[in-house]
Amino acid sequence: MAKVIAYLRASTDKQDLNHQKLEILEFARRQILHIDEYIEITISSRQTSKQRRIDELMQLLDEHDTLIVTELSRLGRSTSEVIALVNALIERNIRVIAIKQSLDIAHHDMNSKIVITLFSLFAEIERDLISLRTKEALSAKKSQGQQLGKPKGTLQKSKFDMDVPRITELLGYGLSVRKIAKVLGYKSHIALNTYINKRGLLNQNVKTSSVG
């Protein structure tokens, strides 16, 4: 038998969660719907789908079930994420009701297909706008003389970092970089040589030796 599941999410305010529940109950009363289960969570939309119990929700919903939310924004962190989720639900023949948007989306409904198409367009526009704003912000910073990216000379993390003491020790014994790479099990002595030069490990070893 088909189920009706309500999903409620608030960032931090428990009272907001209660308002959502009352709104859904009132809607269900008017539409003569029985809510079989509530999934309630108080958490930021920035958290993962598992933390927001979206994964759990998707597992609970079966074909011909109905999902009710007060508004679509409760389902995701962005328009594109919400659209992807709604599309996945519709493909599984699950009815989606969003009260505030007055949306009742079903798989075989032509109007629903038009709505989904429009949503997909809005999601694409949102991505384009975000990309445009990012480019404009970077361009503005560049025009103001601000340096973009990491400062020149910033050392990146490397797989060799954990072996620095051993590399330095072997350099002190006078081993070539090629032999050191072989001893430590590295395939490329060229990459190791670049690492040693950038970190100045050879110079450090010379200083240490001279002090000794």
Protein backbone atom coordinates (compact mmCIF):
# COMPACT_ATOMS: atom_id res chain seq x y z
CA MET A 1 0.00 0.00 0.00
CA ALA A 2 1.30 3.46 -0.93
CA LYS A 3 2.69 5.56 1.91
CA VAL A 4 2.70 9.30 2.58
CA ILE A 5 5.94 10.53 4.15
CA ALA A 6 6.61 14.06 5.35
CA TYR A 7 10.14 15.44 5.46
CA LEU A 8 10.87 18.34 7.81
CA ARG A 9 14.22 20.10 8.18
CA ALA A 10 15.21 23.23 10.07
CA SER A 11 18.70 24.66 10.46
CA THR A 12 18.72 25.17 14.24
CA ASP A 13 15.27 26.32 15.30
CA LYS A 14 13.08 23.59 16.82
CA GLN A 15 10.13 26.00 16.68
CA ASP A 16 10.53 26.20 12.89
CA LEU A 17 10.30 22.40 12.81
CA ASN A 18 7.04 22.56 14.75
CA HIS A 19 5.65 25.19 12.35
CA GLN A 20 6.46 22.92 9.40
CA LYS A 21 4.68 20.01 11.06
CA LEU A 22 1.56 22.09 11.74
CA GLU A 23 1.55 23.34 8.14
CA ILE A 24 1.81 19.79 6.80
CA LEU A 25 -0.89 18.51 9.17
CA GLU A 26 -3.25 21.28 8.10
CA PHE A 27 -2.56 20.55 4.42
CA ALA A 28 -3.13 16.83 4.97
CA ARG A 29 -6.42 17.56 6.74
CA ARG A 30 -7.67 19.67 3.83
CA GLN A 31 -6.58 17.10 1.25
CA ILE A 32 -7.82 14.16 3.35
CA LEU A 33 -4.35 12.62 3.44
CA HIS A 34 -2.93 10.45 6.19
CA ILE A 35 0.75 10.98 7.01
CA ASP A 36 2.29 7.57 7.63
CA GLU A 37 5.70 8.76 8.78
CA TYR A 38 7.59 11.94 9.61
CA ILE A 39 11.32 12.37 9.07
CA GLU A 40 12.43 15.32 11.19
CA ILE A 41 15.92 16.77 11.44
CA THR A 42 17.39 19.97 12.88
CA ILE A 43 20.58 20.52 10.93
CA SER A 44 22.16 22.93 8.47
CA SER A 45 21.60 22.37 4.75
CA ARG A 46 25.40 22.43 4.35
CA GLN A 47 25.66 18.97 5.89
CA THR A 48 25.78 15.80 3.79
CA SER A 49 22.66 14.09 2.45
CA LYS A 50 23.22 11.28 4.96
CA GLN A 51 23.38 13.71 7.87
CA ARG A 52 20.25 15.45 6.58
CA ARG A 53 18.54 12.01 6.44
CA ILE A 54 17.92 12.37 2.70
CA ASP A 55 19.53 8.98 2.07
CA GLU A 56 17.19 7.46 4.65
CA LEU A 57 14.24 9.20 3.03
CA MET A 58 15.11 7.82 -0.41
CA GLN A 59 15.27 4.30 0.99
CA LEU A 60 11.89 4.63 2.70
CA LEU A 61 10.07 5.84 -0.40
CA ASP A 62 8.72 3.23 -2.80
CA GLU A 63 6.89 3.45 -6.13
CA HIS A 64 3.50 5.24 -5.85
CA ASP A 65 4.42 6.75 -2.45
CA THR A 66 4.00 10.46 -1.75
CA LEU A 67 6.55 12.86 -0.27
CA ILE A 68 5.33 16.09 1.35
CA VAL A 69 7.51 19.08 2.29
CA THR A 70 6.53 22.61 3.24
CA GLU A 71 8.87 23.93 0.53
CA LEU A 72 11.38 22.47 -1.91
CA SER A 73 14.33 24.25 -0.30
CA ARG A 74 14.08 21.83 2.64
CA LEU A 75 15.35 19.06 0.36
CA GLY A 76 18.74 20.42 -0.68
CA ARG A 77 21.59 22.90 -0.48
CA SER A 78 21.05 24.41 -3.93
CA THR A 79 18.54 24.58 -6.75
CA SER A 80 20.50 22.03 -8.77
CA GLU A 81 20.60 19.57 -5.87
CA VAL A 82 16.86 19.94 -5.24
CA ILE A 83 16.09 19.42 -8.94
CA ALA A 84 18.29 16.32 -9.11
CA LEU A 85 16.51 14.85 -6.09
CA VAL A 86 13.02 15.66 -7.39
CA ASN A 87 13.89 14.21 -10.80
CA ALA A 88 15.11 11.01 -9.13
CA LEU A 89 11.84 10.76 -7.18
CA ILE A 90 9.68 11.37 -10.24
CA GLU A 91 11.60 8.75 -12.21
CA ARG A 92 10.72 6.28 -9.46
CA ASN A 93 7.05 7.24 -9.83
CA ILE A 94 6.94 8.99 -6.45
CA ARG A 95 4.60 11.92 -6.04
CA VAL A 96 6.19 15.11 -4.64
CA ILE A 97 4.13 17.81 -2.92
CA ALA A 98 5.62 21.19 -1.95
CA ILE A 99 2.99 23.18 -0.08
CA LYS A 100 4.33 26.75 -0.33
CA GLN A 101 5.06 26.42 -4.05
CA SER A 102 1.62 24.84 -4.62
CA LEU A 103 3.37 22.02 -6.47
CA ASP A 104 1.99 18.53 -6.83
CA ILE A 105 4.39 16.69 -9.13
CA ALA A 106 3.58 13.24 -10.44
CA HIS A 107 5.34 11.07 -13.02
CA HIS A 108 2.65 10.91 -15.70
CA ASP A 109 1.37 14.46 -15.35
CA MET A 110 2.26 16.70 -18.32
CA ASN A 111 2.18 19.84 -16.17
CA SER A 112 4.64 18.20 -13.81
CA LYS A 113 7.00 17.50 -16.68
CA ILE A 114 6.83 21.16 -17.71
CA VAL A 115 7.60 22.23 -14.13
CA ILE A 116 10.61 19.89 -13.95
CA THR A 117 11.88 21.23 -17.29
CA LEU A 118 11.62 24.78 -15.97
CA PHE A 119 13.34 23.82 -12.73
CA SER A 120 16.19 22.27 -14.69
CA LEU A 121 16.50 25.51 -16.65
CA PHE A 122 16.56 27.53 -13.41
CA ALA A 123 19.26 25.22 -12.01
CA GLU A 124 21.38 25.78 -15.12
CA ILE A 125 20.87 29.55 -14.87
CA GLU A 126 21.89 29.42 -11.20
CA ARG A 127 25.12 27.58 -12.07
CA ASP A 128 25.88 30.12 -14.80
CA LEU A 129 25.25 33.03 -12.43
CA ILE A 130 27.50 31.53 -9.75
CA SER A 131 30.23 31.03 -12.34
CA LEU A 132 29.79 34.59 -13.61
CA ARG A 133 29.88 36.06 -10.08
CA THR A 134 33.04 34.09 -9.31
CA LYS A 135 34.77 35.32 -12.46
CA GLU A 136 33.69 38.93 -11.77
CA ALA A 137 34.96 38.73 -8.18
CA LEU A 138 38.33 37.34 -9.31
CA SER A 139 38.59 39.97 -12.02
CA ALA A 140 37.84 42.74 -9.49
CA LYS A 141 40.51 41.45 -7.11
CA LYS A 142 43.02 41.24 -9.94
CA SER A 143 42.28 44.81 -11.05
CA GLN A 144 42.86 45.97 -7.45
CA GLY A 145 46.30 44.37 -7.52
CA GLN A 146 45.42 41.50 -5.21
CA GLN A 147 47.40 38.33 -5.81
CA LEU A 148 45.22 35.38 -6.75
CA GLY A 149 45.93 31.84 -5.70
CA LYS A 150 48.68 30.75 -3.34
CA PRO A 151 51.66 33.07 -2.87
CA LYS A 152 54.65 32.34 -5.08
CA GLY A 153 57.02 29.90 -3.43
CA THR A 154 54.34 28.23 -1.32
CA LEU A 155 55.33 24.62 -0.78
CA GLN A 156 52.68 22.03 -1.54
CA LYS A 157 52.19 18.87 0.50
CA SER A 158 54.10 15.94 -0.90
CA LYS A 159 54.28 12.18 -0.51
CA PHE A 160 57.96 12.68 0.35
CA ASP A 161 57.21 14.76 3.48
CA MET A 162 56.97 11.74 5.77
CA ASP A 163 60.45 10.55 4.70
CA VAL A 164 62.34 13.84 5.11
CA PRO A 165 64.45 12.64 8.09
CA ARG A 166 65.45 9.48 6.21
CA ILE A 167 66.12 11.37 2.97
CA THR A 168 68.34 13.84 4.83
CA GLU A 169 70.17 10.99 6.55
CA LEU A 170 70.84 9.17 3.27
CA LEU A 171 72.03 12.39 1.64
CA GLY A 172 74.49 12.70 4.52
CA TYR A 173 75.89 9.29 3.64
CA GLY A 174 76.63 10.62 0.16
CA LEU A 175 74.03 8.49 -1.64
CA SER A 176 72.80 9.74 -4.98
CA VAL A 177 69.16 10.74 -5.38
CA ARG A 178 68.65 7.78 -7.70
CA LYS A 179 69.87 5.35 -4.99
CA ILE A 180 67.81 7.07 -2.29
CA ALA A 181 64.69 6.72 -4.41
CA LYS A 182 65.46 3.01 -4.82
CA VAL A 183 66.07 2.51 -1.08
CA LEU A 184 62.81 4.24 -0.13
CA GLY A 185 60.81 2.48 -2.84
CA TYR A 186 60.01 5.50 -5.01
CA LYS A 187 59.53 4.88 -8.72
CA SER A 188 60.74 8.29 -9.87
CA HIS A 189 64.08 9.67 -8.73
CA ILE A 190 63.39 12.79 -10.83
CA ALA A 191 60.39 13.78 -8.69
CA LEU A 192 62.45 13.14 -5.55
CA ASN A 193 65.30 15.26 -6.90
CA THR A 194 62.88 18.14 -7.56
CA TYR A 195 61.52 17.79 -4.02
CA ILE A 196 65.04 17.83 -2.49
CA ASN A 197 66.00 20.95 -4.46
CA LYS A 198 62.80 22.85 -3.64
CA ARG A 199 63.11 22.06 0.08
CA GLY A 200 66.83 22.78 0.11
CA LEU A 201 67.45 19.44 1.82
CA LEU A 202 70.87 19.06 0.25
CA ASN A 203 71.95 22.46 1.59
CA GLN A 204 70.53 21.65 5.03
CA ASN A 205 72.54 18.44 5.04
CA VAL A 206 75.74 20.27 4.11
CA LYS A 207 75.20 22.75 6.97
CA THR A 208 74.49 19.92 9.42
CA SER A 209 77.60 18.05 8.30
CA SER A 210 79.82 21.11 8.59
CA VAL A 211 78.58 21.83 12.12
CA GLY A 212 79.27 18.25 13.10
